PDB file of all heavy atoms in Angstrom:
ATOM      1  N   PRO A   1       0.789  -1.220  -0.028  1.00  0.00           N
ATOM      2  CA  PRO A   1      -0.002   0.007   0.015  1.00  0.00           C
ATOM      3  C   PRO A   1       0.858   1.280   0.014  1.00  0.00           C
ATOM      4  O   PRO A   1       1.961   1.281   0.494  1.00  0.00           O
ATOM      5  CB  PRO A   1      -0.721  -0.107   1.293  1.00  0.00           C
ATOM      6  CG  PRO A   1       0.131  -0.840   2.262  1.00  0.00           C
ATOM      7  CD  PRO A   1       0.852  -1.841   1.336  1.00  0.00           C
ATOM      8  N   TYR A   2       0.270   2.373  -0.545  1.00  0.00           N
ATOM      9  CA  TYR A   2       0.926   3.666  -0.540  1.00  0.00           C
ATOM     10  C   TYR A   2       0.267   4.411   0.606  1.00  0.00           C
ATOM     11  O   TYR A   2      -1.013   4.560   0.690  1.00  0.00           O
ATOM     12  CB  TYR A   2       0.669   4.407  -1.875  1.00  0.00           C
ATOM     13  CG  TYR A   2       1.518   3.707  -2.979  1.00  0.00           C
ATOM     14  CD1 TYR A   2       0.990   2.618  -3.629  1.00  0.00           C
ATOM     15  CD2 TYR A   2       2.755   4.252  -3.375  1.00  0.00           C
ATOM     16  CE1 TYR A   2       1.778   1.993  -4.611  1.00  0.00           C
ATOM     17  CE2 TYR A   2       3.446   3.661  -4.425  1.00  0.00           C
ATOM     18  CZ  TYR A   2       3.027   2.539  -5.001  1.00  0.00           C
ATOM     19  OH  TYR A   2       3.714   1.915  -5.995  1.00  0.00           O
ATOM     20  N   ILE A   3       1.050   4.925   1.587  1.00  0.00           N
ATOM     21  CA  ILE A   3       0.556   5.464   2.760  1.00  0.00           C
ATOM     22  C   ILE A   3       0.798   7.055   2.741  1.00  0.00           C
ATOM     23  O   ILE A   3       1.908   7.430   2.672  1.00  0.00           O
ATOM     24  CB  ILE A   3       1.229   4.893   3.983  1.00  0.00           C
ATOM     25  CG1 ILE A   3       1.010   3.325   4.026  1.00  0.00           C
ATOM     26  CG2 ILE A   3       0.715   5.528   5.274  1.00  0.00           C
ATOM     27  CD1 ILE A   3       1.829   2.593   5.014  1.00  0.00           C
ATOM     28  N   ILE A   4      -0.282   7.749   2.765  1.00  0.00           N
ATOM     29  CA  ILE A   4      -0.261   9.237   2.704  1.00  0.00           C
ATOM     30  C   ILE A   4      -0.130   9.697   4.188  1.00  0.00           C
ATOM     31  O   ILE A   4      -1.052   9.570   4.963  1.00  0.00           O
ATOM     32  CB  ILE A   4      -1.531   9.825   2.040  1.00  0.00           C
ATOM     33  CG1 ILE A   4      -1.780   9.113   0.740  1.00  0.00           C
ATOM     34  CG2 ILE A   4      -1.343  11.305   1.838  1.00  0.00           C
ATOM     35  CD1 ILE A   4      -0.745   9.191  -0.284  1.00  0.00           C
ATOM     36  N   ASN A   5       1.000  10.308   4.492  1.00  0.00           N
ATOM     37  CA  ASN A   5       1.300  10.627   5.892  1.00  0.00           C
ATOM     38  C   ASN A   5       1.036  12.067   6.242  1.00  0.00           C
ATOM     39  O   ASN A   5       1.549  12.554   7.300  1.00  0.00           O
ATOM     40  CB  ASN A   5       2.780  10.275   6.185  1.00  0.00           C
ATOM     41  CG  ASN A   5       2.925   8.737   6.262  1.00  0.00           C
ATOM     42  OD1 ASN A   5       2.254   8.051   7.035  1.00  0.00           O
ATOM     43  ND2 ASN A   5       3.858   8.196   5.489  1.00  0.00           N
ATOM     44  N   GLY A   6       0.288  12.842   5.532  1.00  0.00           N
ATOM     45  CA  GLY A   6      -0.008  14.222   5.818  1.00  0.00           C
ATOM     46  C   GLY A   6      -0.860  14.842   4.764  1.00  0.00           C
ATOM     47  O   GLY A   6      -1.499  14.137   3.950  1.00  0.00           O
ATOM     48  N   ASP A   7      -0.817  16.164   4.619  1.00  0.00           N
ATOM     49  CA  ASP A   7      -1.543  16.835   3.582  1.00  0.00           C
ATOM     50  C   ASP A   7      -0.571  17.184   2.461  1.00  0.00           C
ATOM     51  O   ASP A   7       0.251  18.109   2.558  1.00  0.00           O
ATOM     52  CB  ASP A   7      -2.121  18.131   4.151  1.00  0.00           C
ATOM     53  CG  ASP A   7      -3.133  17.895   5.250  1.00  0.00           C
ATOM     54  OD1 ASP A   7      -3.987  17.035   5.015  1.00  0.00           O
ATOM     55  OD2 ASP A   7      -3.146  18.600   6.246  1.00  0.00           O
ATOM     56  N   TYR A   8      -0.711  16.439   1.371  1.00  0.00           N
ATOM     57  CA  TYR A   8       0.244  16.550   0.213  1.00  0.00           C
ATOM     58  C   TYR A   8      -0.510  16.806  -1.038  1.00  0.00           C
ATOM     59  O   TYR A   8      -1.714  16.618  -1.181  1.00  0.00           O
ATOM     60  CB  TYR A   8       1.179  15.345   0.148  1.00  0.00           C
ATOM     61  CG  TYR A   8       1.977  15.155   1.401  1.00  0.00           C
ATOM     62  CD1 TYR A   8       1.871  13.981   2.132  1.00  0.00           C
ATOM     63  CD2 TYR A   8       2.846  16.095   1.855  1.00  0.00           C
ATOM     64  CE1 TYR A   8       2.577  13.819   3.334  1.00  0.00           C
ATOM     65  CE2 TYR A   8       3.607  15.934   2.965  1.00  0.00           C
ATOM     66  CZ  TYR A   8       3.482  14.811   3.716  1.00  0.00           C
ATOM     67  OH  TYR A   8       4.192  14.617   4.889  1.00  0.00           O
ATOM     68  N   ALA A   9       0.221  17.199  -2.096  1.00  0.00           N
ATOM     69  CA  ALA A   9      -0.356  17.458  -3.392  1.00  0.00           C
ATOM     70  C   ALA A   9       0.446  16.857  -4.487  1.00  0.00           C
ATOM     71  O   ALA A   9       1.640  16.656  -4.364  1.00  0.00           O
ATOM     72  CB  ALA A   9      -0.423  19.009  -3.573  1.00  0.00           C
ATOM     73  N   ILE A  10      -0.270  16.552  -5.582  1.00  0.00           N
ATOM     74  CA  ILE A  10       0.339  16.169  -6.822  1.00  0.00           C
ATOM     75  C   ILE A  10       0.360  17.421  -7.693  1.00  0.00           C
ATOM     76  O   ILE A  10      -0.678  17.810  -8.274  1.00  0.00           O
ATOM     77  CB  ILE A  10      -0.442  15.011  -7.510  1.00  0.00           C
ATOM     78  CG1 ILE A  10      -0.491  13.797  -6.570  1.00  0.00           C
ATOM     79  CG2 ILE A  10       0.268  14.660  -8.875  1.00  0.00           C
ATOM     80  CD1 ILE A  10      -1.488  12.757  -7.026  1.00  0.00           C
ATOM     81  N   GLN A  11       1.455  18.084  -7.824  1.00  0.00           N
ATOM     82  CA  GLN A  11       1.456  19.370  -8.531  1.00  0.00           C
ATOM     83  C   GLN A  11       2.957  19.682  -8.880  1.00  0.00           C
ATOM     84  O   GLN A  11       3.847  19.297  -8.239  1.00  0.00           O
ATOM     85  CB  GLN A  11       0.897  20.473  -7.643  1.00  0.00           C
ATOM     86  CG  GLN A  11       1.746  20.712  -6.406  1.00  0.00           C
ATOM     87  CD  GLN A  11       1.134  21.827  -5.543  1.00  0.00           C
ATOM     88  OE1 GLN A  11      -0.048  21.856  -5.349  1.00  0.00           O
ATOM     89  NE2 GLN A  11       1.975  22.711  -4.977  1.00  0.00           N
ATOM     90  N   GLY A  12       3.144  20.458  -9.955  1.00  0.00           N
ATOM     91  CA  GLY A  12       4.469  20.867 -10.333  1.00  0.00           C
ATOM     92  C   GLY A  12       4.526  21.365 -11.757  1.00  0.00           C
ATOM     93  O   GLY A  12       3.592  21.163 -12.571  1.00  0.00           O
ATOM     94  N   SER A  13       5.584  22.055 -12.095  1.00  0.00           N
ATOM     95  CA  SER A  13       5.714  22.642 -13.455  1.00  0.00           C
ATOM     96  C   SER A  13       5.845  21.534 -14.528  1.00  0.00           C
ATOM     97  O   SER A  13       5.594  21.809 -15.690  1.00  0.00           O
ATOM     98  CB  SER A  13       7.037  23.520 -13.429  1.00  0.00           C
ATOM     99  OG  SER A  13       8.152  22.766 -13.114  1.00  0.00           O
ATOM    100  N   ALA A  14       6.213  20.353 -14.112  1.00  0.00           N
ATOM    101  CA  ALA A  14       6.354  19.208 -15.091  1.00  0.00           C
ATOM    102  C   ALA A  14       4.979  18.496 -15.311  1.00  0.00           C
ATOM    103  O   ALA A  14       4.942  17.487 -15.998  1.00  0.00           O
ATOM    104  CB  ALA A  14       7.322  18.253 -14.598  1.00  0.00           C
ATOM    105  N   ASN A  15       3.897  19.098 -14.775  1.00  0.00           N
ATOM    106  CA  ASN A  15       2.629  18.481 -14.886  1.00  0.00           C
ATOM    107  C   ASN A  15       2.559  17.005 -14.478  1.00  0.00           C
ATOM    108  O   ASN A  15       2.271  16.105 -15.268  1.00  0.00           O
ATOM    109  CB  ASN A  15       2.087  18.625 -16.348  1.00  0.00           C
ATOM    110  CG  ASN A  15       0.620  18.219 -16.441  1.00  0.00           C
ATOM    111  OD1 ASN A  15      -0.120  18.195 -15.480  1.00  0.00           O
ATOM    112  ND2 ASN A  15       0.179  17.929 -17.686  1.00  0.00           N
ATOM    113  N   PRO A  16       2.829  16.709 -13.222  1.00  0.00           N
ATOM    114  CA  PRO A  16       2.937  15.348 -12.778  1.00  0.00           C
ATOM    115  C   PRO A  16       1.561  14.658 -12.795  1.00  0.00           C
ATOM    116  O   PRO A  16       0.541  15.233 -12.388  1.00  0.00           O
ATOM    117  CB  PRO A  16       3.464  15.455 -11.323  1.00  0.00           C
ATOM    118  CG  PRO A  16       3.003  16.778 -10.880  1.00  0.00           C
ATOM    119  CD  PRO A  16       3.087  17.654 -12.120  1.00  0.00           C
ATOM    120  N   ILE A  17       1.538  13.396 -13.270  1.00  0.00           N
ATOM    121  CA  ILE A  17       0.360  12.582 -13.293  1.00  0.00           C
ATOM    122  C   ILE A  17       0.681  11.286 -12.523  1.00  0.00           C
ATOM    123  O   ILE A  17       1.661  10.568 -12.892  1.00  0.00           O
ATOM    124  CB  ILE A  17      -0.124  12.215 -14.684  1.00  0.00           C
ATOM    125  CG1 ILE A  17      -0.290  13.513 -15.549  1.00  0.00           C
ATOM    126  CG2 ILE A  17      -1.389  11.407 -14.652  1.00  0.00           C
ATOM    127  CD1 ILE A  17      -1.339  14.425 -15.052  1.00  0.00           C
ATOM    128  N   VAL A  18      -0.072  10.955 -11.490  1.00  0.00           N
ATOM    129  CA  VAL A  18       0.109   9.702 -10.791  1.00  0.00           C
ATOM    130  C   VAL A  18      -0.846   8.717 -11.416  1.00  0.00           C
ATOM    131  O   VAL A  18      -2.126   8.908 -11.402  1.00  0.00           O
ATOM    132  CB  VAL A  18      -0.159   9.852  -9.288  1.00  0.00           C
ATOM    133  CG1 VAL A  18      -0.141   8.423  -8.628  1.00  0.00           C
ATOM    134  CG2 VAL A  18       0.950  10.680  -8.644  1.00  0.00           C
ATOM    135  N   THR A  19      -0.324   7.628 -11.977  1.00  0.00           N
ATOM    136  CA  THR A  19      -1.151   6.561 -12.545  1.00  0.00           C
ATOM    137  C   THR A  19      -1.164   5.406 -11.549  1.00  0.00           C
ATOM    138  O   THR A  19      -0.117   4.971 -11.060  1.00  0.00           O
ATOM    139  CB  THR A  19      -0.557   6.103 -13.917  1.00  0.00           C
ATOM    140  OG1 THR A  19      -0.503   7.205 -14.779  1.00  0.00           O
ATOM    141  CG2 THR A  19      -1.432   5.040 -14.518  1.00  0.00           C
ATOM    142  N   ILE A  20      -2.347   4.877 -11.277  1.00  0.00           N
ATOM    143  CA  ILE A  20      -2.452   3.822 -10.230  1.00  0.00           C
ATOM    144  C   ILE A  20      -2.960   2.548 -10.874  1.00  0.00           C
ATOM    145  O   ILE A  20      -4.015   2.515 -11.555  1.00  0.00           O
ATOM    146  CB  ILE A  20      -3.394   4.295  -9.131  1.00  0.00           C
ATOM    147  CG1 ILE A  20      -2.916   5.603  -8.525  1.00  0.00           C
ATOM    148  CG2 ILE A  20      -3.514   3.215  -8.043  1.00  0.00           C
ATOM    149  CD1 ILE A  20      -3.734   6.139  -7.390  1.00  0.00           C
ATOM    150  N   GLU A  21      -2.178   1.472 -10.646  1.00  0.00           N
ATOM    151  CA  GLU A  21      -2.555   0.139 -11.205  1.00  0.00           C
ATOM    152  C   GLU A  21      -3.709  -0.468 -10.458  1.00  0.00           C
ATOM    153  O   GLU A  21      -3.958  -0.209  -9.330  1.00  0.00           O
ATOM    154  CB  GLU A  21      -1.327  -0.733 -11.174  1.00  0.00           C
ATOM    155  CG  GLU A  21      -0.161  -0.367 -12.104  1.00  0.00           C
ATOM    156  CD  GLU A  21       0.938  -1.329 -12.056  1.00  0.00           C
ATOM    157  OE1 GLU A  21       0.982  -2.181 -11.142  1.00  0.00           O
ATOM    158  OE2 GLU A  21       1.795  -1.252 -12.920  1.00  0.00           O
ATOM    159  N   ALA A  22      -4.337  -1.467 -11.131  1.00  0.00           N
ATOM    160  CA  ALA A  22      -5.423  -2.233 -10.504  1.00  0.00           C
ATOM    161  C   ALA A  22      -4.964  -2.919  -9.223  1.00  0.00           C
ATOM    162  O   ALA A  22      -3.847  -3.449  -9.209  1.00  0.00           O
ATOM    163  CB  ALA A  22      -5.977  -3.243 -11.466  1.00  0.00           C
ATOM    164  N   GLY A  23      -5.777  -2.992  -8.225  1.00  0.00           N
ATOM    165  CA  GLY A  23      -5.529  -3.665  -6.930  1.00  0.00           C
ATOM    166  C   GLY A  23      -4.694  -2.871  -5.946  1.00  0.00           C
ATOM    167  O   GLY A  23      -4.548  -3.359  -4.853  1.00  0.00           O
ATOM    168  N   VAL A  24      -4.186  -1.727  -6.289  1.00  0.00           N
ATOM    169  CA  VAL A  24      -3.368  -0.906  -5.374  1.00  0.00           C
ATOM    170  C   VAL A  24      -4.262  -0.376  -4.272  1.00  0.00           C
ATOM    171  O   VAL A  24      -5.374  -0.007  -4.459  1.00  0.00           O
ATOM    172  CB  VAL A  24      -2.684   0.198  -6.111  1.00  0.00           C
ATOM    173  CG1 VAL A  24      -2.106   1.219  -5.183  1.00  0.00           C
ATOM    174  CG2 VAL A  24      -1.552  -0.330  -7.032  1.00  0.00           C
TER     175      VAL A  24
END
């Protein structure tokens, strides 16, 4: 599992995209 440990963002000048696989 991916554990989010606070208040975070997916953001940046490189236009980040988080792709999540099935079952995650």
